[in-house]
């Protein structure tokens, strides 16, 4: 009937059988390449794999290790350059359900506990930390990016957010006749 969904298997849709997934070792290496340095708990939280510690021990000769400020071991791929800790990260606009927020067991490296309501929402990062959310609305020929902050943002960071926001609007709404970046505060 009308409006009823149609279902099929992946194999039927693709016209070929499913290939075996990557090995746990390959999956852990890919995770670390994207999100490392990370703890074993981070890898397990993201992947759903069990016995990640066994995989990490098997991969240990191929990994670099660090200790975080709490003394926890962090694993990473070799030969990756790490920025100087004093390097300020540029502002970023993450889409909803972005892995940067979801890929860690301990999200405090990017998300303050009091901002946890941002998980699953389009998120704004300033100096590598989640400080608010964003949305684009369209009205007529205009596209408006609204940045809602959960904490105070310096004038310098607001300028940087506005510049990055303008680039985001060029990407998301290239056809808009007018583009505007606006700020709102969600602080109590």
C-alpha atoms as a PDB file:
ATOM      1  CA  UNK A   1       0.000   0.000   0.000  1.00  0.00           C
ATOM      2  CA  UNK A   2       0.852   3.634  -0.189  1.00  0.00           C
ATOM      3  CA  UNK A   3       3.470   4.936   2.257  1.00  0.00           C
ATOM      4  CA  UNK A   4       4.538   1.512   3.511  1.00  0.00           C
ATOM      5  CA  UNK A   5       8.288   1.020   3.803  1.00  0.00           C
ATOM      6  CA  UNK A   6      10.036  -1.588   1.712  1.00  0.00           C
ATOM      7  CA  UNK A   7      12.777  -3.672   3.273  1.00  0.00           C
ATOM      8  CA  UNK A   8      15.611  -5.690   1.807  1.00  0.00           C
ATOM      9  CA  UNK A   9      18.923  -7.118   2.939  1.00  0.00           C
ATOM     10  CA  UNK A  10      22.240  -5.375   2.387  1.00  0.00           C
ATOM     11  CA  UNK A  11      23.390  -8.283   0.237  1.00  0.00           C
ATOM     12  CA  UNK A  12      20.337  -7.992  -2.047  1.00  0.00           C
ATOM     13  CA  UNK A  13      20.704  -4.220  -2.339  1.00  0.00           C
ATOM     14  CA  UNK A  14      24.452  -4.384  -3.045  1.00  0.00           C
ATOM     15  CA  UNK A  15      24.152  -7.422  -5.303  1.00  0.00           C
ATOM     16  CA  UNK A  16      27.015  -9.205  -3.534  1.00  0.00           C
ATOM     17  CA  UNK A  17      27.708 -10.854  -0.195  1.00  0.00           C
ATOM     18  CA  UNK A  18      28.952  -8.877   2.782  1.00  0.00           C
ATOM     19  CA  UNK A  19      32.710  -8.792   3.185  1.00  0.00           C
ATOM     20  CA  UNK A  20      34.238  -9.557   6.548  1.00  0.00           C
ATOM     21  CA  UNK A  21      34.719  -6.440   8.667  1.00  0.00           C
ATOM     22  CA  UNK A  22      38.124  -5.154   9.665  1.00  0.00           C
ATOM     23  CA  UNK A  23      40.043  -7.067  12.283  1.00  0.00           C
ATOM     24  CA  UNK A  24      39.919  -5.697  15.831  1.00  0.00           C
ATOM     25  CA  UNK A  25      43.578  -4.684  15.447  1.00  0.00           C
ATOM     26  CA  UNK A  26      42.842  -2.682  12.293  1.00  0.00           C
ATOM     27  CA  UNK A  27      39.783  -1.087  13.909  1.00  0.00           C
ATOM     28  CA  UNK A  28      41.791   0.023  16.960  1.00  0.00           C
ATOM     29  CA  UNK A  29      44.549   1.463  14.751  1.00  0.00           C
ATOM     30  CA  UNK A  30      41.963   3.375  12.680  1.00  0.00           C
ATOM     31  CA  UNK A  31      40.316   4.703  15.838  1.00  0.00           C
ATOM     32  CA  UNK A  32      43.653   5.907  17.234  1.00  0.00           C
ATOM     33  CA  UNK A  33      44.555   7.520  13.904  1.00  0.00           C
ATOM     34  CA  UNK A  34      41.319   9.528  14.088  1.00  0.00           C
ATOM     35  CA  UNK A  35      40.894  10.155  17.827  1.00  0.00           C
ATOM     36  CA  UNK A  36      44.173   9.332  19.587  1.00  0.00           C
ATOM     37  CA  UNK A  37      45.793   9.697  21.987  1.00  0.00           C
ATOM     38  CA  UNK A  38      43.099   7.736  23.807  1.00  0.00           C
ATOM     39  CA  UNK A  39      42.608   5.286  26.644  1.00  0.00           C
ATOM     40  CA  UNK A  40      41.595   1.654  26.239  1.00  0.00           C
ATOM     41  CA  UNK A  41      38.223   2.653  27.760  1.00  0.00           C
ATOM     42  CA  UNK A  42      37.811   5.302  25.018  1.00  0.00           C
ATOM     43  CA  UNK A  43      38.395   2.700  22.299  1.00  0.00           C
ATOM     44  CA  UNK A  44      35.982   0.283  23.942  1.00  0.00           C
ATOM     45  CA  UNK A  45      33.298   2.946  24.435  1.00  0.00           C
ATOM     46  CA  UNK A  46      33.452   3.983  20.776  1.00  0.00           C
ATOM     47  CA  UNK A  47      33.763   0.547  19.199  1.00  0.00           C
ATOM     48  CA  UNK A  48      31.721  -1.689  21.463  1.00  0.00           C
ATOM     49  CA  UNK A  49      34.541  -4.214  21.209  1.00  0.00           C
ATOM     50  CA  UNK A  50      35.270  -6.422  24.198  1.00  0.00           C
ATOM     51  CA  UNK A  51      38.776  -7.380  25.309  1.00  0.00           C
ATOM     52  CA  UNK A  52      40.237  -4.137  23.942  1.00  0.00           C
ATOM     53  CA  UNK A  53      43.052  -4.372  26.496  1.00  0.00           C
ATOM     54  CA  UNK A  54      44.163  -7.647  24.830  1.00  0.00           C
ATOM     55  CA  UNK A  55      44.166  -5.944  21.422  1.00  0.00           C
ATOM     56  CA  UNK A  56      46.103  -2.975  22.859  1.00  0.00           C
ATOM     57  CA  UNK A  57      48.715  -5.285  24.384  1.00  0.00           C
ATOM     58  CA  UNK A  58      49.107  -7.097  21.058  1.00  0.00           C
ATOM     59  CA  UNK A  59      49.520  -3.732  19.273  1.00  0.00           C
ATOM     60  CA  UNK A  60      51.772  -2.183  21.964  1.00  0.00           C
ATOM     61  CA  UNK A  61      55.015  -2.585  19.926  1.00  0.00           C
ATOM     62  CA  UNK A  62      53.376  -0.515  17.150  1.00  0.00           C
ATOM     63  CA  UNK A  63      51.992   2.237  19.434  1.00  0.00           C
ATOM     64  CA  UNK A  64      53.203   5.314  21.282  1.00  0.00           C
ATOM     65  CA  UNK A  65      52.095   5.758  24.851  1.00  0.00           C
ATOM     66  CA  UNK A  66      51.603   8.805  27.044  1.00  0.00           C
ATOM     67  CA  UNK A  67      50.190   9.564  30.482  1.00  0.00           C
ATOM     68  CA  UNK A  68      47.437  12.113  30.982  1.00  0.00           C
ATOM     69  CA  UNK A  69      47.196  14.515  33.922  1.00  0.00           C
ATOM     70  CA  UNK A  70      45.445  11.796  35.964  1.00  0.00           C
ATOM     71  CA  UNK A  71      48.153   9.225  35.220  1.00  0.00           C
ATOM     72  CA  UNK A  72      46.024   7.172  32.814  1.00  0.00           C
ATOM     73  CA  UNK A  73      47.795   5.563  29.877  1.00  0.00           C
ATOM     74  CA  UNK A  74      46.974   7.043  26.481  1.00  0.00           C
ATOM     75  CA  UNK A  75      47.679   5.107  23.293  1.00  0.00           C
ATOM     76  CA  UNK A  76      48.414   6.628  19.914  1.00  0.00           C
ATOM     77  CA  UNK A  77      49.678   5.740  16.470  1.00  0.00           C
ATOM     78  CA  UNK A  78      53.414   6.233  15.876  1.00  0.00           C
ATOM     79  CA  UNK A  79      54.988   9.186  14.109  1.00  0.00           C
ATOM     80  CA  UNK A  80      52.051  11.534  14.596  1.00  0.00           C
ATOM     81  CA  UNK A  81      53.110  15.040  15.474  1.00  0.00           C
ATOM     82  CA  UNK A  82      51.328  16.505  18.469  1.00  0.00           C
ATOM     83  CA  UNK A  83      50.769  20.245  18.752  1.00  0.00           C
ATOM     84  CA  UNK A  84      52.462  22.231  21.477  1.00  0.00           C
ATOM     85  CA  UNK A  85      50.099  22.210  24.493  1.00  0.00           C
ATOM     86  CA  UNK A  86      50.014  26.025  24.366  1.00  0.00           C
ATOM     87  CA  UNK A  87      48.731  26.040  20.773  1.00  0.00           C
ATOM     88  CA  UNK A  88      45.202  27.422  20.675  1.00  0.00           C
ATOM     89  CA  UNK A  89      42.810  25.315  18.623  1.00  0.00           C
ATOM     90  CA  UNK A  90      40.758  27.243  16.051  1.00  0.00           C
ATOM     91  CA  UNK A  91      36.961  27.404  16.461  1.00  0.00           C
ATOM     92  CA  UNK A  92      35.061  24.480  14.994  1.00  0.00           C
ATOM     93  CA  UNK A  93      31.444  23.715  14.190  1.00  0.00           C
ATOM     94  CA  UNK A  94      30.673  20.021  14.726  1.00  0.00           C
ATOM     95  CA  UNK A  95      27.544  18.441  13.242  1.00  0.00           C
ATOM     96  CA  UNK A  96      25.024  16.620  15.394  1.00  0.00           C
ATOM     97  CA  UNK A  97      26.274  13.287  16.751  1.00  0.00           C
ATOM     98  CA  UNK A  98      29.858  14.041  15.747  1.00  0.00           C
ATOM     99  CA  UNK A  99      32.376  11.395  16.788  1.00  0.00           C
ATOM    100  CA  UNK A 100      34.665  13.992  18.351  1.00  0.00           C
ATOM    101  CA  UNK A 101      32.093  14.206  21.153  1.00  0.00           C
ATOM    102  CA  UNK A 102      30.997  10.569  21.110  1.00  0.00           C
ATOM    103  CA  UNK A 103      34.304   8.734  20.645  1.00  0.00           C
ATOM    104  CA  UNK A 104      35.578   8.892  24.230  1.00  0.00           C
ATOM    105  CA  UNK A 105      34.584   7.215  27.485  1.00  0.00           C
ATOM    106  CA  UNK A 106      35.771  10.362  29.302  1.00  0.00           C
ATOM    107  CA  UNK A 107      34.420  13.320  27.356  1.00  0.00           C
ATOM    108  CA  UNK A 108      35.822  15.881  29.794  1.00  0.00           C
ATOM    109  CA  UNK A 109      38.737  16.524  27.408  1.00  0.00           C
ATOM    110  CA  UNK A 110      36.275  18.243  25.058  1.00  0.00           C
ATOM    111  CA  UNK A 111      32.993  18.640  26.965  1.00  0.00           C
ATOM    112  CA  UNK A 112      32.441  20.004  30.467  1.00  0.00           C
ATOM    113  CA  UNK A 113      30.025  17.939  32.557  1.00  0.00           C
ATOM    114  CA  UNK A 114      27.630  20.894  32.850  1.00  0.00           C
ATOM    115  CA  UNK A 115      27.460  21.117  29.030  1.00  0.00           C
ATOM    116  CA  UNK A 116      26.613  17.422  28.475  1.00  0.00           C
ATOM    117  CA  UNK A 117      23.242  18.425  26.986  1.00  0.00           C
ATOM    118  CA  UNK A 118      25.208  19.316  23.843  1.00  0.00           C
ATOM    119  CA  UNK A 119      25.777  15.622  23.069  1.00  0.00           C
ATOM    120  CA  UNK A 120      23.881  14.847  19.890  1.00  0.00           C
ATOM    121  CA  UNK A 121      23.457  18.507  18.941  1.00  0.00           C
ATOM    122  CA  UNK A 122      25.439  20.590  16.451  1.00  0.00           C
ATOM    123  CA  UNK A 123      28.223  21.858  18.704  1.00  0.00           C
ATOM    124  CA  UNK A 124      30.575  24.839  18.721  1.00  0.00           C
ATOM    125  CA  UNK A 125      34.154  24.360  19.925  1.00  0.00           C
ATOM    126  CA  UNK A 126      36.389  27.182  21.138  1.00  0.00           C
ATOM    127  CA  UNK A 127      40.000  26.239  21.863  1.00  0.00           C
ATOM    128  CA  UNK A 128      39.005  22.580  21.609  1.00  0.00           C
ATOM    129  CA  UNK A 129      36.166  22.703  24.152  1.00  0.00           C
ATOM    130  CA  UNK A 130      32.400  22.631  23.579  1.00  0.00           C
ATOM    131  CA  UNK A 131      30.898  25.996  24.520  1.00  0.00           C
ATOM    132  CA  UNK A 132      27.539  25.974  22.759  1.00  0.00           C
ATOM    133  CA  UNK A 133      25.431  24.885  19.828  1.00  0.00           C
ATOM    134  CA  UNK A 134      24.652  26.205  16.369  1.00  0.00           C
ATOM    135  CA  UNK A 135      21.892  26.053  13.762  1.00  0.00           C
ATOM    136  CA  UNK A 136      21.268  27.436  10.300  1.00  0.00           C
ATOM    137  CA  UNK A 137      17.833  28.745   9.400  1.00  0.00           C
ATOM    138  CA  UNK A 138      16.641  29.953   6.028  1.00  0.00           C
ATOM    139  CA  UNK A 139      14.091  32.647   5.389  1.00  0.00           C
ATOM    140  CA  UNK A 140      13.425  33.858   1.891  1.00  0.00           C
ATOM    141  CA  UNK A 141      16.809  34.156   0.250  1.00  0.00           C
ATOM    142  CA  UNK A 142      18.723  34.567   3.527  1.00  0.00           C
ATOM    143  CA  UNK A 143      20.662  32.022   5.565  1.00  0.00           C
ATOM    144  CA  UNK A 144      21.264  32.775   9.255  1.00  0.00           C
ATOM    145  CA  UNK A 145      23.753  30.934  11.432  1.00  0.00           C
ATOM    146  CA  UNK A 146      22.827  31.299  15.102  1.00  0.00           C
ATOM    147  CA  UNK A 147      25.509  30.412  17.646  1.00  0.00           C
ATOM    148  CA  UNK A 148      24.083  29.834  21.125  1.00  0.00           C
ATOM    149  CA  UNK A 149      26.760  29.943  23.825  1.00  0.00           C
ATOM    150  CA  UNK A 150      26.605  28.293  27.233  1.00  0.00           C
ATOM    151  CA  UNK A 151      29.420  30.400  28.673  1.00  0.00           C
ATOM    152  CA  UNK A 152      31.085  33.763  28.185  1.00  0.00           C
ATOM    153  CA  UNK A 153      33.099  34.105  24.996  1.00  0.00           C
ATOM    154  CA  UNK A 154      35.839  36.694  24.554  1.00  0.00           C
ATOM    155  CA  UNK A 155      35.601  39.287  21.787  1.00  0.00           C
ATOM    156  CA  UNK A 156      38.589  37.673  20.082  1.00  0.00           C
ATOM    157  CA  UNK A 157      36.864  34.266  20.095  1.00  0.00           C
ATOM    158  CA  UNK A 158      33.584  35.820  18.900  1.00  0.00           C
ATOM    159  CA  UNK A 159      35.415  37.345  15.927  1.00  0.00           C
ATOM    160  CA  UNK A 160      37.043  33.979  15.153  1.00  0.00           C
ATOM    161  CA  UNK A 161      33.659  32.204  15.479  1.00  0.00           C
ATOM    162  CA  UNK A 162      32.035  34.755  13.167  1.00  0.00           C
ATOM    163  CA  UNK A 163      34.786  34.223  10.561  1.00  0.00           C
ATOM    164  CA  UNK A 164      34.546  30.422  10.757  1.00  0.00           C
ATOM    165  CA  UNK A 165      30.750  30.720  10.812  1.00  0.00           C
ATOM    166  CA  UNK A 166      30.841  32.732   7.585  1.00  0.00           C
ATOM    167  CA  UNK A 167      32.879  29.950   5.960  1.00  0.00           C
ATOM    168  CA  UNK A 168      30.357  27.401   7.243  1.00  0.00           C
ATOM    169  CA  UNK A 169      27.496  29.403   5.699  1.00  0.00           C
ATOM    170  CA  UNK A 170      29.345  29.572   2.375  1.00  0.00           C
ATOM    171  CA  UNK A 171      29.520  25.785   2.461  1.00  0.00           C
ATOM    172  CA  UNK A 172      25.994  25.043   3.725  1.00  0.00           C
ATOM    173  CA  UNK A 173      24.101  27.843   1.984  1.00  0.00           C
ATOM    174  CA  UNK A 174      26.161  28.870  -1.034  1.00  0.00           C
ATOM    175  CA  UNK A 175      22.953  29.736  -2.900  1.00  0.00           C
ATOM    176  CA  UNK A 176      21.662  32.156  -0.235  1.00  0.00           C
ATOM    177  CA  UNK A 177      21.427  35.770  -1.347  1.00  0.00           C
ATOM    178  CA  UNK A 178      22.240  37.041   2.146  1.00  0.00           C
ATOM    179  CA  UNK A 179      24.189  35.369   4.940  1.00  0.00           C
ATOM    180  CA  UNK A 180      24.389  36.427   8.573  1.00  0.00           C
ATOM    181  CA  UNK A 181      26.051  35.095  11.731  1.00  0.00           C
ATOM    182  CA  UNK A 182      24.262  35.853  14.997  1.00  0.00           C
ATOM    183  CA  UNK A 183      25.058  35.121  18.633  1.00  0.00           C
ATOM    184  CA  UNK A 184      22.645  34.165  21.396  1.00  0.00           C
ATOM    185  CA  UNK A 185      23.332  33.260  25.009  1.00  0.00           C
ATOM    186  CA  UNK A 186      21.836  30.309  26.839  1.00  0.00           C
ATOM    187  CA  UNK A 187      23.474  31.300  30.131  1.00  0.00           C
ATOM    188  CA  UNK A 188      21.205  31.585  33.155  1.00  0.00           C
END
